[in-house]
Amino acid sequence: MPLTLWSLIAVALALPVGLTLAWLSYQLPRWIPGEDPPPEETTTRRRGRWLGLPLACLGVALWAAAHHDGEGAALLTAALGWALVLIATVDGEHFWLPDGFTLPLIGAGLLAAWLTAPQELVARLIGAVAGFVTLAVLAWAYRRGRGREGLGGGDPRLFAGAGAWVGWLGLPSVLVWASAAAFSVIAARLIVRRKVSGADRLPFGVFLAVGLWLTWLYGPLGI
């Protein structure tokens, strides 16, 4: 499919956006209460950040261009993907989903619905509320039943952001994709004979980001 103007803009912005996200993710420890300043990174870690994130953003832009055409849809999808790349990177490194990242995702999803698909706005609003309540209740139930935290405090807000983008009908698909991604990581650890236990921490925000991205691109499973 030939690239449209909006697709070309998304592709052109990808590398600068990726470098910006690399800088933000590197500086983030300065903004976490009690965290030390960013240490000197290893060569491998530096390459992964300053080369990997721009390439990831470029891949997101090309993926968005391949699935959307006209009226800024490719740029909108690329912007969502770039936000999810940053969210996944931060949660993967720090097990932390800042409100400054998750709450704007909710607002952006609702704004996108209002501007591009106003007939979906109610479903997106319901999705945002349902997403937050679902994971908040699960986190509460796990904490009461097991006596320890099972989900991070930012996960319900990120799931609310997912609902704001894909509506309440898309939320089960986000969870299915996220769970599949998480189980894939666990399976990979077992394959390479790494020890896996129930006390291991997994950055579930990373997997929710994957689920939101795939559901946004391909729609709810079975629909």
N, C-alpha and C. Protein backbone atom coordinates (compact mmCIF):
# COMPACT_ATOMS: atom_id res chain seq x y z
N MET A 1 0.84 -1.19 0.00
CA MET A 1 0.00 0.00 0.00
C MET A 1 0.88 1.25 0.00
N PRO A 2 0.65 2.19 -0.92
CA PRO A 2 1.46 3.40 -0.94
C PRO A 2 1.22 4.24 0.31
N LEU A 3 2.27 4.88 0.77
CA LEU A 3 2.17 5.71 1.96
C LEU A 3 1.45 7.01 1.65
N THR A 4 0.49 7.38 2.49
CA THR A 4 -0.20 8.65 2.35
C THR A 4 0.60 9.72 3.06
N LEU A 5 0.14 10.96 2.94
CA LEU A 5 0.83 12.07 3.60
C LEU A 5 0.91 11.84 5.10
N TRP A 6 -0.20 11.42 5.72
CA TRP A 6 -0.20 11.22 7.17
C TRP A 6 0.74 10.09 7.57
N SER A 7 0.78 9.04 6.74
CA SER A 7 1.69 7.94 7.02
C SER A 7 3.14 8.40 6.92
N LEU A 8 3.43 9.21 5.92
CA LEU A 8 4.79 9.73 5.76
C LEU A 8 5.18 10.61 6.93
N ILE A 9 4.23 11.40 7.42
CA ILE A 9 4.51 12.24 8.59
C ILE A 9 4.84 11.37 9.80
N ALA A 10 4.05 10.30 9.99
CA ALA A 10 4.29 9.39 11.11
C ALA A 10 5.67 8.75 11.01
N VAL A 11 6.03 8.30 9.82
CA VAL A 11 7.34 7.67 9.63
C VAL A 11 8.46 8.68 9.85
N ALA A 12 8.26 9.92 9.36
CA ALA A 12 9.29 10.95 9.51
C ALA A 12 9.51 11.32 10.97
N LEU A 13 8.44 11.27 11.76
CA LEU A 13 8.55 11.65 13.17
C LEU A 13 9.08 10.52 14.05
N ALA A 14 9.11 9.31 13.53
CA ALA A 14 9.38 8.15 14.37
C ALA A 14 10.73 8.22 15.06
N LEU A 15 11.80 8.49 14.33
CA LEU A 15 13.12 8.49 14.94
C LEU A 15 13.30 9.62 15.95
N PRO A 16 12.89 10.87 15.64
CA PRO A 16 12.97 11.91 16.67
C PRO A 16 12.16 11.59 17.92
N VAL A 17 10.97 11.02 17.71
CA VAL A 17 10.15 10.63 18.86
C VAL A 17 10.86 9.54 19.67
N GLY A 18 11.46 8.58 18.97
CA GLY A 18 12.16 7.51 19.65
C GLY A 18 13.32 8.02 20.49
N LEU A 19 14.07 8.97 19.97
CA LEU A 19 15.18 9.55 20.73
C LEU A 19 14.66 10.31 21.95
N THR A 20 13.53 10.99 21.78
CA THR A 20 12.92 11.70 22.92
C THR A 20 12.48 10.72 23.99
N LEU A 21 11.88 9.62 23.58
CA LEU A 21 11.44 8.61 24.55
C LEU A 21 12.64 7.97 25.25
N ALA A 22 13.73 7.78 24.51
CA ALA A 22 14.95 7.24 25.13
C ALA A 22 15.45 8.17 26.22
N TRP A 23 15.46 9.46 25.94
CA TRP A 23 15.91 10.44 26.93
C TRP A 23 14.97 10.45 28.14
N LEU A 24 13.65 10.43 27.89
CA LEU A 24 12.69 10.44 28.99
C LEU A 24 12.86 9.20 29.88
N SER A 25 12.99 8.03 29.25
CA SER A 25 13.11 6.81 30.04
C SER A 25 14.41 6.78 30.83
N TYR A 26 15.46 7.41 30.30
CA TYR A 26 16.73 7.45 31.02
C TYR A 26 16.67 8.41 32.21
N GLN A 27 15.99 9.52 32.04
CA GLN A 27 15.92 10.53 33.09
C GLN A 27 14.90 10.22 34.16
N LEU A 28 14.00 9.28 33.90
CA LEU A 28 12.88 9.04 34.80
C LEU A 28 13.27 8.79 36.25
N PRO A 29 14.35 8.03 36.53
CA PRO A 29 14.69 7.81 37.95
C PRO A 29 14.87 9.10 38.75
N ARG A 30 15.21 10.18 38.10
CA ARG A 30 15.35 11.45 38.81
C ARG A 30 14.01 11.93 39.37
N TRP A 31 12.92 11.45 38.78
CA TRP A 31 11.59 11.91 39.18
C TRP A 31 10.88 10.93 40.10
N ILE A 32 11.51 9.80 40.39
CA ILE A 32 10.91 8.83 41.30
C ILE A 32 11.38 9.11 42.71
N PRO A 33 10.47 9.35 43.65
CA PRO A 33 10.89 9.63 45.03
C PRO A 33 11.75 8.51 45.59
N GLY A 34 12.91 8.89 46.13
CA GLY A 34 13.78 7.91 46.75
C GLY A 34 14.73 7.20 45.80
N GLU A 35 14.58 7.41 44.50
CA GLU A 35 15.46 6.75 43.54
C GLU A 35 16.77 7.55 43.39
N ASP A 36 17.84 6.82 43.16
CA ASP A 36 19.11 7.47 42.91
C ASP A 36 19.16 8.02 41.48
N PRO A 37 20.06 8.97 41.19
CA PRO A 37 20.21 9.45 39.81
C PRO A 37 20.58 8.30 38.90
N PRO A 38 20.28 8.44 37.59
CA PRO A 38 20.58 7.35 36.65
C PRO A 38 22.05 6.96 36.69
N PRO A 39 22.35 5.68 36.88
CA PRO A 39 23.75 5.25 36.89
C PRO A 39 24.32 5.23 35.48
N GLU A 40 25.62 5.11 35.39
CA GLU A 40 26.25 4.96 34.09
C GLU A 40 25.80 3.62 33.49
N GLU A 41 25.26 3.67 32.29
CA GLU A 41 24.71 2.46 31.69
C GLU A 41 25.81 1.62 31.04
N THR A 42 25.56 0.32 31.01
CA THR A 42 26.45 -0.56 30.27
C THR A 42 26.27 -0.30 28.78
N THR A 43 27.23 -0.76 28.00
CA THR A 43 27.15 -0.56 26.56
C THR A 43 25.91 -1.22 25.98
N THR A 44 25.62 -2.43 26.44
CA THR A 44 24.45 -3.14 25.94
C THR A 44 23.16 -2.40 26.28
N ARG A 45 23.07 -1.93 27.52
CA ARG A 45 21.87 -1.19 27.95
C ARG A 45 21.74 0.11 27.18
N ARG A 46 22.86 0.78 26.95
CA ARG A 46 22.83 2.04 26.21
C ARG A 46 22.36 1.83 24.77
N ARG A 47 22.86 0.79 24.15
CA ARG A 47 22.43 0.50 22.78
C ARG A 47 20.95 0.14 22.73
N GLY A 48 20.53 -0.65 23.71
CA GLY A 48 19.13 -1.03 23.75
C GLY A 48 18.21 0.16 23.87
N ARG A 49 18.64 1.18 24.62
CA ARG A 49 17.80 2.36 24.82
C ARG A 49 17.87 3.31 23.63
N TRP A 50 19.09 3.73 23.27
CA TRP A 50 19.25 4.80 22.29
C TRP A 50 19.14 4.33 20.85
N LEU A 51 19.27 3.04 20.63
CA LEU A 51 19.05 2.48 19.30
C LEU A 51 17.73 1.72 19.24
N GLY A 52 17.45 0.96 20.29
CA GLY A 52 16.25 0.14 20.28
C GLY A 52 14.95 0.93 20.28
N LEU A 53 14.86 1.99 21.09
CA LEU A 53 13.61 2.75 21.15
C LEU A 53 13.32 3.49 19.86
N PRO A 54 14.30 4.18 19.24
CA PRO A 54 14.00 4.78 17.92
C PRO A 54 13.57 3.75 16.89
N LEU A 55 14.22 2.59 16.87
CA LEU A 55 13.82 1.56 15.91
C LEU A 55 12.43 1.02 16.23
N ALA A 56 12.13 0.89 17.52
CA ALA A 56 10.79 0.44 17.90
C ALA A 56 9.73 1.44 17.44
N CYS A 57 10.03 2.73 17.61
CA CYS A 57 9.08 3.76 17.18
C CYS A 57 8.92 3.77 15.67
N LEU A 58 10.01 3.51 14.95
CA LEU A 58 9.91 3.42 13.49
C LEU A 58 9.06 2.22 13.10
N GLY A 59 9.27 1.09 13.77
CA GLY A 59 8.45 -0.09 13.50
C GLY A 59 6.98 0.17 13.77
N VAL A 60 6.69 0.88 14.85
CA VAL A 60 5.31 1.23 15.18
C VAL A 60 4.70 2.09 14.07
N ALA A 61 5.46 3.08 13.60
CA ALA A 61 4.95 3.96 12.54
C ALA A 61 4.66 3.19 11.26
N LEU A 62 5.57 2.30 10.89
CA LEU A 62 5.36 1.50 9.67
C LEU A 62 4.18 0.55 9.83
N TRP A 63 4.05 -0.03 11.00
CA TRP A 63 2.93 -0.92 11.29
C TRP A 63 1.61 -0.14 11.21
N ALA A 64 1.60 1.06 11.77
CA ALA A 64 0.40 1.88 11.72
C ALA A 64 0.06 2.27 10.28
N ALA A 65 1.09 2.61 9.50
CA ALA A 65 0.86 2.98 8.11
C ALA A 65 0.31 1.82 7.30
N ALA A 66 0.69 0.61 7.65
CA ALA A 66 0.23 -0.57 6.91
C ALA A 66 -1.23 -0.90 7.20
N HIS A 67 -1.77 -0.37 8.31
CA HIS A 67 -3.13 -0.74 8.70
C HIS A 67 -4.13 0.40 8.61
N HIS A 68 -3.66 1.61 8.39
CA HIS A 68 -4.57 2.75 8.33
C HIS A 68 -4.22 3.64 7.15
N ASP A 69 -5.22 4.31 6.65
CA ASP A 69 -5.00 5.16 5.50
C ASP A 69 -5.95 6.36 5.56
N GLY A 70 -5.41 7.54 5.37
CA GLY A 70 -6.24 8.74 5.25
C GLY A 70 -6.70 9.33 6.56
N GLU A 71 -6.99 10.62 6.53
CA GLU A 71 -7.60 11.36 7.63
C GLU A 71 -6.83 11.24 8.94
N GLY A 72 -5.55 11.07 8.86
CA GLY A 72 -4.72 11.09 10.06
C GLY A 72 -4.76 9.83 10.90
N ALA A 73 -5.43 8.78 10.42
CA ALA A 73 -5.55 7.56 11.23
C ALA A 73 -4.20 6.93 11.51
N ALA A 74 -3.31 6.93 10.50
CA ALA A 74 -1.99 6.33 10.70
C ALA A 74 -1.20 7.10 11.75
N LEU A 75 -1.27 8.42 11.73
CA LEU A 75 -0.55 9.23 12.71
C LEU A 75 -1.13 9.03 14.10
N LEU A 76 -2.45 8.94 14.20
CA LEU A 76 -3.10 8.71 15.49
C LEU A 76 -2.66 7.37 16.07
N THR A 77 -2.66 6.34 15.24
CA THR A 77 -2.26 5.02 15.70
C THR A 77 -0.78 5.00 16.08
N ALA A 78 0.05 5.67 15.29
CA ALA A 78 1.46 5.73 15.62
C ALA A 78 1.67 6.43 16.97
N ALA A 79 0.93 7.52 17.21
CA ALA A 79 1.05 8.23 18.48
C ALA A 79 0.67 7.34 19.65
N LEU A 80 -0.40 6.56 19.48
CA LEU A 80 -0.77 5.61 20.53
C LEU A 80 0.36 4.61 20.75
N GLY A 81 0.90 4.07 19.66
CA GLY A 81 1.99 3.11 19.78
C GLY A 81 3.20 3.68 20.47
N TRP A 82 3.55 4.92 20.15
CA TRP A 82 4.72 5.54 20.79
C TRP A 82 4.49 5.70 22.29
N ALA A 83 3.27 6.10 22.67
CA ALA A 83 2.96 6.22 24.10
C ALA A 83 3.09 4.87 24.78
N LEU A 84 2.64 3.81 24.12
CA LEU A 84 2.72 2.48 24.71
C LEU A 84 4.16 1.99 24.81
N VAL A 85 4.99 2.36 23.84
CA VAL A 85 6.41 2.01 23.92
C VAL A 85 7.04 2.63 25.16
N LEU A 86 6.74 3.89 25.42
CA LEU A 86 7.29 4.56 26.61
C LEU A 86 6.75 3.92 27.89
N ILE A 87 5.45 3.68 27.93
CA ILE A 87 4.85 3.07 29.12
C ILE A 87 5.45 1.70 29.39
N ALA A 88 5.59 0.89 28.33
CA ALA A 88 6.15 -0.45 28.51
C ALA A 88 7.61 -0.39 28.95
N THR A 89 8.36 0.55 28.40
CA THR A 89 9.77 0.69 28.78
C THR A 89 9.91 1.06 30.25
N VAL A 90 9.12 2.02 30.68
CA VAL A 90 9.20 2.48 32.07
C VAL A 90 8.78 1.38 33.03
N ASP A 91 7.68 0.70 32.73
CA ASP A 91 7.23 -0.35 33.62
C ASP A 91 8.20 -1.53 33.62
N GLY A 92 8.76 -1.83 32.45
CA GLY A 92 9.72 -2.92 32.38
C GLY A 92 10.98 -2.65 33.18
N GLU A 93 11.41 -1.40 33.24
CA GLU A 93 12.64 -1.05 33.96
C GLU A 93 12.41 -0.80 35.44
N HIS A 94 11.27 -0.20 35.78
CA HIS A 94 11.09 0.28 37.15
C HIS A 94 9.88 -0.31 37.86
N PHE A 95 9.08 -1.16 37.19
CA PHE A 95 7.84 -1.67 37.77
C PHE A 95 7.00 -0.51 38.30
N TRP A 96 6.83 0.48 37.46
CA TRP A 96 6.14 1.71 37.86
C TRP A 96 5.43 2.30 36.66
N LEU A 97 4.14 2.62 36.84
CA LEU A 97 3.34 3.27 35.81
C LEU A 97 2.92 4.63 36.33
N PRO A 98 3.65 5.67 35.97
CA PRO A 98 3.33 7.00 36.50
C PRO A 98 1.95 7.48 36.04
N ASP A 99 1.25 8.16 36.94
CA ASP A 99 -0.03 8.76 36.57
C ASP A 99 0.14 9.74 35.41
N GLY A 100 1.32 10.35 35.33
CA GLY A 100 1.57 11.30 34.25
C GLY A 100 1.59 10.66 32.88
N PHE A 101 1.68 9.33 32.83
CA PHE A 101 1.62 8.61 31.56
C PHE A 101 0.25 7.95 31.35
N THR A 102 -0.32 7.37 32.39
CA THR A 102 -1.55 6.61 32.23
C THR A 102 -2.80 7.50 32.15
N LEU A 103 -2.87 8.54 32.97
CA LEU A 103 -4.05 9.40 32.94
C LEU A 103 -4.20 10.13 31.60
N PRO A 104 -3.11 10.70 31.03
CA PRO A 104 -3.27 11.29 29.69
C PRO A 104 -3.69 10.29 28.63
N LEU A 105 -3.33 9.00 28.81
CA LEU A 105 -3.76 7.98 27.85
C LEU A 105 -5.28 7.85 27.87
N ILE A 106 -5.87 7.94 29.05
CA ILE A 106 -7.33 7.90 29.15
C ILE A 106 -7.94 9.09 28.43
N GLY A 107 -7.44 10.28 28.75
CA GLY A 107 -7.96 11.48 28.12
C GLY A 107 -7.79 11.48 26.61
N ALA A 108 -6.64 11.00 26.15
CA ALA A 108 -6.38 10.98 24.70
C ALA A 108 -7.32 10.02 23.99
N GLY A 109 -7.62 8.87 24.61
CA GLY A 109 -8.54 7.93 23.99
C GLY A 109 -9.93 8.50 23.85
N LEU A 110 -10.40 9.17 24.90
CA LEU A 110 -11.73 9.78 24.84
C LEU A 110 -11.76 10.94 23.86
N LEU A 111 -10.69 11.73 23.81
CA LEU A 111 -10.62 12.83 22.86
C LEU A 111 -10.60 12.30 21.42
N ALA A 112 -9.84 11.23 21.19
CA ALA A 112 -9.80 10.64 19.86
C ALA A 112 -11.17 10.16 19.43
N ALA A 113 -11.92 9.57 20.37
CA ALA A 113 -13.27 9.12 20.05
C ALA A 113 -14.18 10.30 19.72
N TRP A 114 -14.08 11.35 20.50
CA TRP A 114 -14.93 12.54 20.29
C TRP A 114 -14.65 13.18 18.93
N LEU A 115 -13.36 13.18 18.52
CA LEU A 115 -13.00 13.85 17.27
C LEU A 115 -13.20 12.97 16.05
N THR A 116 -12.96 11.67 16.17
CA THR A 116 -12.97 10.81 14.99
C THR A 116 -14.13 9.82 14.94
N ALA A 117 -14.69 9.45 16.07
CA ALA A 117 -15.78 8.48 16.08
C ALA A 117 -16.72 8.78 17.24
N PRO A 118 -17.44 9.91 17.17
CA PRO A 118 -18.28 10.32 18.30
C PRO A 118 -19.35 9.30 18.67
N GLN A 119 -19.73 8.46 17.72
CA GLN A 119 -20.72 7.42 18.03
C GLN A 119 -20.18 6.38 19.00
N GLU A 120 -18.86 6.34 19.16
CA GLU A 120 -18.24 5.37 20.07
C GLU A 120 -17.91 5.96 21.44
N LEU A 121 -18.21 7.23 21.63
CA LEU A 121 -17.76 7.90 22.85
C LEU A 121 -18.34 7.26 24.11
N VAL A 122 -19.62 6.91 24.08
CA VAL A 122 -20.24 6.31 25.26
C VAL A 122 -19.59 4.96 25.58
N ALA A 123 -19.36 4.15 24.53
CA ALA A 123 -18.71 2.85 24.74
C ALA A 123 -17.30 3.02 25.28
N ARG A 124 -16.61 4.08 24.84
CA ARG A 124 -15.26 4.33 25.34
C ARG A 124 -15.30 4.79 26.80
N LEU A 125 -16.27 5.62 27.14
CA LEU A 125 -16.41 6.06 28.53
C LEU A 125 -16.69 4.87 29.45
N ILE A 126 -17.62 4.02 29.01
CA ILE A 126 -17.91 2.81 29.78
C ILE A 126 -16.66 1.95 29.90
N GLY A 127 -15.91 1.83 28.80
CA GLY A 127 -14.70 1.04 28.81
C GLY A 127 -13.67 1.56 29.80
N ALA A 128 -13.52 2.88 29.87
CA ALA A 128 -12.56 3.46 30.80
C ALA A 128 -12.94 3.15 32.25
N VAL A 129 -14.21 3.31 32.57
CA VAL A 129 -14.67 3.03 33.93
C VAL A 129 -14.55 1.54 34.24
N ALA A 130 -15.02 0.71 33.29
CA ALA A 130 -14.99 -0.73 33.50
C ALA A 130 -13.56 -1.24 33.63
N GLY A 131 -12.65 -0.69 32.82
CA GLY A 131 -11.26 -1.12 32.89
C GLY A 131 -10.65 -0.84 34.25
N PHE A 132 -10.87 0.36 34.75
CA PHE A 132 -10.32 0.70 36.06
C PHE A 132 -10.92 -0.17 37.15
N VAL A 133 -12.24 -0.28 37.17
CA VAL A 133 -12.92 -1.02 38.23
C VAL A 133 -12.51 -2.49 38.21
N THR A 134 -12.40 -3.08 37.02
CA THR A 134 -12.07 -4.51 36.91
C THR A 134 -10.74 -4.83 37.56
N LEU A 135 -9.69 -4.10 37.18
CA LEU A 135 -8.38 -4.42 37.75
C LEU A 135 -8.25 -3.94 39.19
N ALA A 136 -8.93 -2.86 39.55
CA ALA A 136 -8.89 -2.42 40.94
C ALA A 136 -9.51 -3.46 41.86
N VAL A 137 -10.63 -4.05 41.43
CA VAL A 137 -11.28 -5.09 42.23
C VAL A 137 -10.41 -6.34 42.29
N LEU A 138 -9.81 -6.73 41.16
CA LEU A 138 -8.91 -7.89 41.16
C LEU A 138 -7.72 -7.67 42.09
N ALA A 139 -7.16 -6.48 42.05
CA ALA A 139 -6.02 -6.17 42.92
C ALA A 139 -6.44 -6.24 44.39
N TRP A 140 -7.61 -5.71 44.70
CA TRP A 140 -8.11 -5.75 46.08
C TRP A 140 -8.35 -7.18 46.53
N ALA A 141 -8.97 -7.99 45.66
CA ALA A 141 -9.27 -9.37 46.02
C ALA A 141 -7.98 -10.17 46.23
N TYR A 142 -6.99 -9.95 45.38
CA TYR A 142 -5.71 -10.66 45.52
C TYR A 142 -5.03 -10.25 46.82
N ARG A 143 -5.05 -8.96 47.11
CA ARG A 143 -4.42 -8.48 48.34
C ARG A 143 -5.10 -9.05 49.58
N ARG A 144 -6.43 -9.13 49.55
CA ARG A 144 -7.15 -9.70 50.69
C ARG A 144 -6.90 -11.20 50.80
N GLY A 145 -6.85 -11.89 49.67
CA GLY A 145 -6.71 -13.33 49.69
C GLY A 145 -5.31 -13.82 49.96
N ARG A 146 -4.29 -13.12 49.42
CA ARG A 146 -2.92 -13.58 49.54
C ARG A 146 -2.09 -12.77 50.53
N GLY A 147 -2.60 -11.63 50.95
CA GLY A 147 -1.87 -10.82 51.92
C GLY A 147 -0.70 -10.05 51.33
N ARG A 148 -0.65 -9.93 50.02
CA ARG A 148 0.40 -9.15 49.36
C ARG A 148 -0.14 -8.60 48.05
N GLU A 149 0.61 -7.66 47.50
CA GLU A 149 0.17 -7.02 46.27
C GLU A 149 0.35 -7.97 45.08
N GLY A 150 -0.65 -8.00 44.20
CA GLY A 150 -0.56 -8.80 42.99
C GLY A 150 -0.48 -7.96 41.73
N LEU A 151 -0.98 -6.73 41.82
CA LEU A 151 -0.94 -5.80 40.69
C LEU A 151 -0.41 -4.46 41.19
N GLY A 152 0.28 -3.76 40.31
CA GLY A 152 0.75 -2.43 40.65
C GLY A 152 -0.40 -1.44 40.65
N GLY A 153 -0.20 -0.34 41.35
CA GLY A 153 -1.26 0.66 41.43
C GLY A 153 -1.59 1.32 40.11
N GLY A 154 -0.63 1.30 39.16
CA GLY A 154 -0.88 1.93 37.88
C GLY A 154 -1.60 1.05 36.88
N ASP A 155 -1.67 -0.26 37.15
CA ASP A 155 -2.28 -1.18 36.19
C ASP A 155 -3.77 -0.88 35.95
N PRO A 156 -4.57 -0.62 37.00
CA PRO A 156 -5.97 -0.27 36.74
C PRO A 156 -6.12 1.00 35.88
N ARG A 157 -5.24 1.97 36.08
CA ARG A 157 -5.32 3.19 35.29
C ARG A 157 -4.93 2.92 33.83
N LEU A 158 -3.94 2.06 33.63
CA LEU A 158 -3.56 1.71 32.27
C LEU A 158 -4.68 0.93 31.59
N PHE A 159 -5.34 0.05 32.32
CA PHE A 159 -6.45 -0.70 31.74
C PHE A 159 -7.63 0.22 31.46
N ALA A 160 -7.80 1.25 32.29
CA ALA A 160 -8.80 2.27 31.99
C ALA A 160 -8.46 2.98 30.69
N GLY A 161 -7.15 3.26 30.49
CA GLY A 161 -6.73 3.86 29.23
C GLY A 161 -7.04 2.95 28.06
N ALA A 162 -6.86 1.65 28.25
CA ALA A 162 -7.19 0.70 27.18
C ALA A 162 -8.68 0.79 26.85
N GLY A 163 -9.52 0.84 27.88
CA GLY A 163 -10.96 0.95 27.65
C GLY A 163 -11.33 2.23 26.92
N ALA A 164 -10.59 3.31 27.21
CA ALA A 164 -10.86 4.58 26.54
C ALA A 164 -10.51 4.53 25.05
N TRP A 165 -9.64 3.63 24.67
CA TRP A 165 -9.25 3.50 23.26
C TRP A 165 -10.04 2.44 22.52
N VAL A 166 -10.34 1.32 23.15
CA VAL A 166 -10.99 0.23 22.42
C VAL A 166 -12.41 -0.04 22.89
N GLY A 167 -12.89 0.71 23.88
CA GLY A 167 -14.25 0.50 24.35
C GLY A 167 -14.37 -0.73 25.23
N TRP A 168 -15.54 -0.86 25.86
CA TRP A 168 -15.71 -1.98 26.80
C TRP A 168 -15.69 -3.33 26.10
N LEU A 169 -16.12 -3.37 24.83
CA LEU A 169 -16.09 -4.64 24.11
C LEU A 169 -14.67 -5.13 23.85
N GLY A 170 -13.72 -4.21 23.80
CA GLY A 170 -12.35 -4.60 23.53
C GLY A 170 -11.56 -5.02 24.75
N LEU A 171 -12.07 -4.75 25.95
CA LEU A 171 -11.30 -5.03 27.16
C LEU A 171 -10.97 -6.52 27.33
N PRO A 172 -11.92 -7.45 27.10
CA PRO A 172 -11.53 -8.86 27.23
C PRO A 172 -10.39 -9.25 26.30
N SER A 173 -10.38 -8.70 25.08
CA SER A 173 -9.31 -9.02 24.14
C SER A 173 -7.98 -8.48 24.62
N VAL A 174 -7.99 -7.29 25.21
CA VAL A 174 -6.75 -6.74 25.76
C VAL A 174 -6.19 -7.69 26.81
N LEU A 175 -7.05 -8.19 27.68
CA LEU A 175 -6.59 -9.11 28.73
C LEU A 175 -6.11 -10.44 28.15
N VAL A 176 -6.79 -10.93 27.10
CA VAL A 176 -6.36 -12.19 26.48
C VAL A 176 -4.97 -12.04 25.88
N TRP A 177 -4.76 -10.95 25.10
CA TRP A 177 -3.45 -10.72 24.51
C TRP A 177 -2.39 -10.53 25.59
N ALA A 178 -2.73 -9.75 26.63
CA ALA A 178 -1.78 -9.48 27.70
C ALA A 178 -1.40 -10.77 28.42
N SER A 179 -2.38 -11.60 28.72
CA SER A 179 -2.11 -12.86 29.40
C SER A 179 -1.27 -13.78 28.53
N ALA A 180 -1.58 -13.83 27.23
CA ALA A 180 -0.80 -14.66 26.31
C ALA A 180 0.65 -14.21 26.27
N ALA A 181 0.87 -12.88 26.25
CA ALA A 181 2.23 -12.36 26.23
C ALA A 181 2.96 -12.70 27.53
N ALA A 182 2.26 -12.57 28.66
CA ALA A 182 2.89 -12.89 29.95
C ALA A 182 3.25 -14.36 30.03
N PHE A 183 2.34 -15.23 29.60
CA PHE A 183 2.63 -16.66 29.64
C PHE A 183 3.77 -17.02 28.69
N SER A 184 3.89 -16.29 27.59
CA SER A 184 4.99 -16.53 26.65
C SER A 184 6.33 -16.24 27.32
N VAL A 185 6.37 -15.16 28.10
CA VAL A 185 7.61 -14.82 28.81
C VAL A 185 7.94 -15.89 29.84
N ILE A 186 6.93 -16.35 30.57
CA ILE A 186 7.17 -17.41 31.56
C ILE A 186 7.65 -18.69 30.88
N ALA A 187 7.01 -19.02 29.75
CA ALA A 187 7.41 -20.22 29.02
C ALA A 187 8.85 -20.10 28.53
N ALA A 188 9.21 -18.91 28.05
CA ALA A 188 10.58 -18.70 27.58
C ALA A 188 11.58 -18.88 28.71
N ARG A 189 11.24 -18.41 29.90
CA ARG A 189 12.13 -18.59 31.06
C ARG A 189 12.30 -20.08 31.38
N LEU A 190 11.21 -20.83 31.30
CA LEU A 190 11.29 -22.25 31.58
C LEU A 190 12.13 -22.98 30.53
N ILE A 191 11.98 -22.56 29.27
CA ILE A 191 12.73 -23.20 28.19
C ILE A 191 14.23 -23.03 28.39
N VAL A 192 14.64 -21.83 28.83
CA VAL A 192 16.07 -21.59 29.06
C VAL A 192 16.48 -22.00 30.47
N ARG A 193 15.55 -22.69 31.16
CA ARG A 193 15.84 -23.29 32.47
C ARG A 193 16.13 -22.24 33.54
N ARG A 194 15.43 -21.12 33.45
CA ARG A 194 15.51 -20.15 34.54
C ARG A 194 14.45 -20.50 35.58
N LYS A 195 14.78 -20.26 36.83
CA LYS A 195 13.86 -20.58 37.92
C LYS A 195 12.66 -19.64 37.87
N VAL A 196 11.47 -20.23 37.99
CA VAL A 196 10.23 -19.46 38.00
C VAL A 196 9.46 -19.81 39.26
N SER A 197 8.99 -18.77 39.99
CA SER A 197 8.21 -19.02 41.20
C SER A 197 7.06 -18.02 41.28
N GLY A 198 6.14 -18.32 42.16
CA GLY A 198 4.98 -17.44 42.33
C GLY A 198 5.34 -16.08 42.89
N ALA A 199 6.54 -15.94 43.43
CA ALA A 199 6.96 -14.66 44.00
C ALA A 199 7.63 -13.76 42.97
N ASP A 200 7.83 -14.28 41.76
CA ASP A 200 8.47 -13.46 40.72
C ASP A 200 7.60 -12.27 40.36
N ARG A 201 8.25 -11.16 40.08
CA ARG A 201 7.53 -9.97 39.65
C ARG A 201 7.58 -9.87 38.13
N LEU A 202 6.43 -9.59 37.54
CA LEU A 202 6.35 -9.34 36.10
C LEU A 202 5.72 -7.96 35.90
N PRO A 203 6.29 -7.16 35.02
CA PRO A 203 5.71 -5.84 34.75
C PRO A 203 4.47 -5.98 33.88
N PHE A 204 3.31 -6.14 34.51
CA PHE A 204 2.09 -6.44 33.76
C PHE A 204 1.70 -5.29 32.83
N GLY A 205 2.16 -4.08 33.15
CA GLY A 205 1.88 -2.96 32.26
C GLY A 205 2.44 -3.17 30.86
N VAL A 206 3.58 -3.86 30.77
CA VAL A 206 4.17 -4.17 29.47
C VAL A 206 3.20 -5.01 28.65
N PHE A 207 2.61 -6.01 29.29
CA PHE A 207 1.71 -6.92 28.59
C PHE A 207 0.37 -6.25 28.28
N LEU A 208 -0.09 -5.39 29.17
CA LEU A 208 -1.31 -4.63 28.86
C LEU A 208 -1.09 -3.72 27.66
N ALA A 209 0.10 -3.14 27.55
CA ALA A 209 0.41 -2.29 26.40
C ALA A 209 0.36 -3.10 25.11
N VAL A 210 0.91 -4.32 25.14
CA VAL A 210 0.85 -5.20 23.98
C VAL A 210 -0.60 -5.52 23.63
N GLY A 211 -1.40 -5.84 24.65
CA GLY A 211 -2.80 -6.16 24.42
C GLY A 211 -3.59 -5.02 23.84
N LEU A 212 -3.36 -3.81 24.34
CA LEU A 212 -4.05 -2.64 23.82
C LEU A 212 -3.66 -2.39 22.36
N TRP A 213 -2.38 -2.48 22.07
CA TRP A 213 -1.91 -2.23 20.71
C TRP A 213 -2.55 -3.19 19.71
N LEU A 214 -2.54 -4.47 20.02
CA LEU A 214 -3.08 -5.47 19.10
C LEU A 214 -4.60 -5.36 18.97
N THR A 215 -5.27 -5.06 20.07
CA THR A 215 -6.73 -4.90 20.01
C THR A 215 -7.11 -3.66 19.22
N TRP A 216 -6.35 -2.59 19.39
CA TRP A 216 -6.63 -1.37 18.63
C TRP A 216 -6.44 -1.61 17.12
N LEU A 217 -5.42 -2.35 16.76
CA LEU A 217 -5.15 -2.60 15.35
C LEU A 217 -6.13 -3.58 14.73
N TYR A 218 -6.42 -4.67 15.43
CA TYR A 218 -7.16 -5.77 14.82
C TYR A 218 -8.58 -5.95 15.36
N GLY A 219 -8.94 -5.14 16.35
CA GLY A 219 -10.29 -5.24 16.88
C GLY A 219 -10.44 -6.35 17.90
N PRO A 220 -11.59 -6.36 18.60
CA PRO A 220 -11.83 -7.40 19.59
C PRO A 220 -11.81 -8.80 18.96
N LEU A 221 -11.29 -9.76 19.68
CA LEU A 221 -11.21 -11.13 19.18
C LEU A 221 -12.63 -11.68 18.99
N GLY A 222 -12.86 -12.31 17.85
CA GLY A 222 -14.14 -12.93 17.58
C GLY A 222 -15.21 -12.00 17.08
N ILE A 223 -14.87 -10.69 16.94
CA ILE A 223 -15.87 -9.72 16.46
C ILE A 223 -15.39 -9.17 15.12
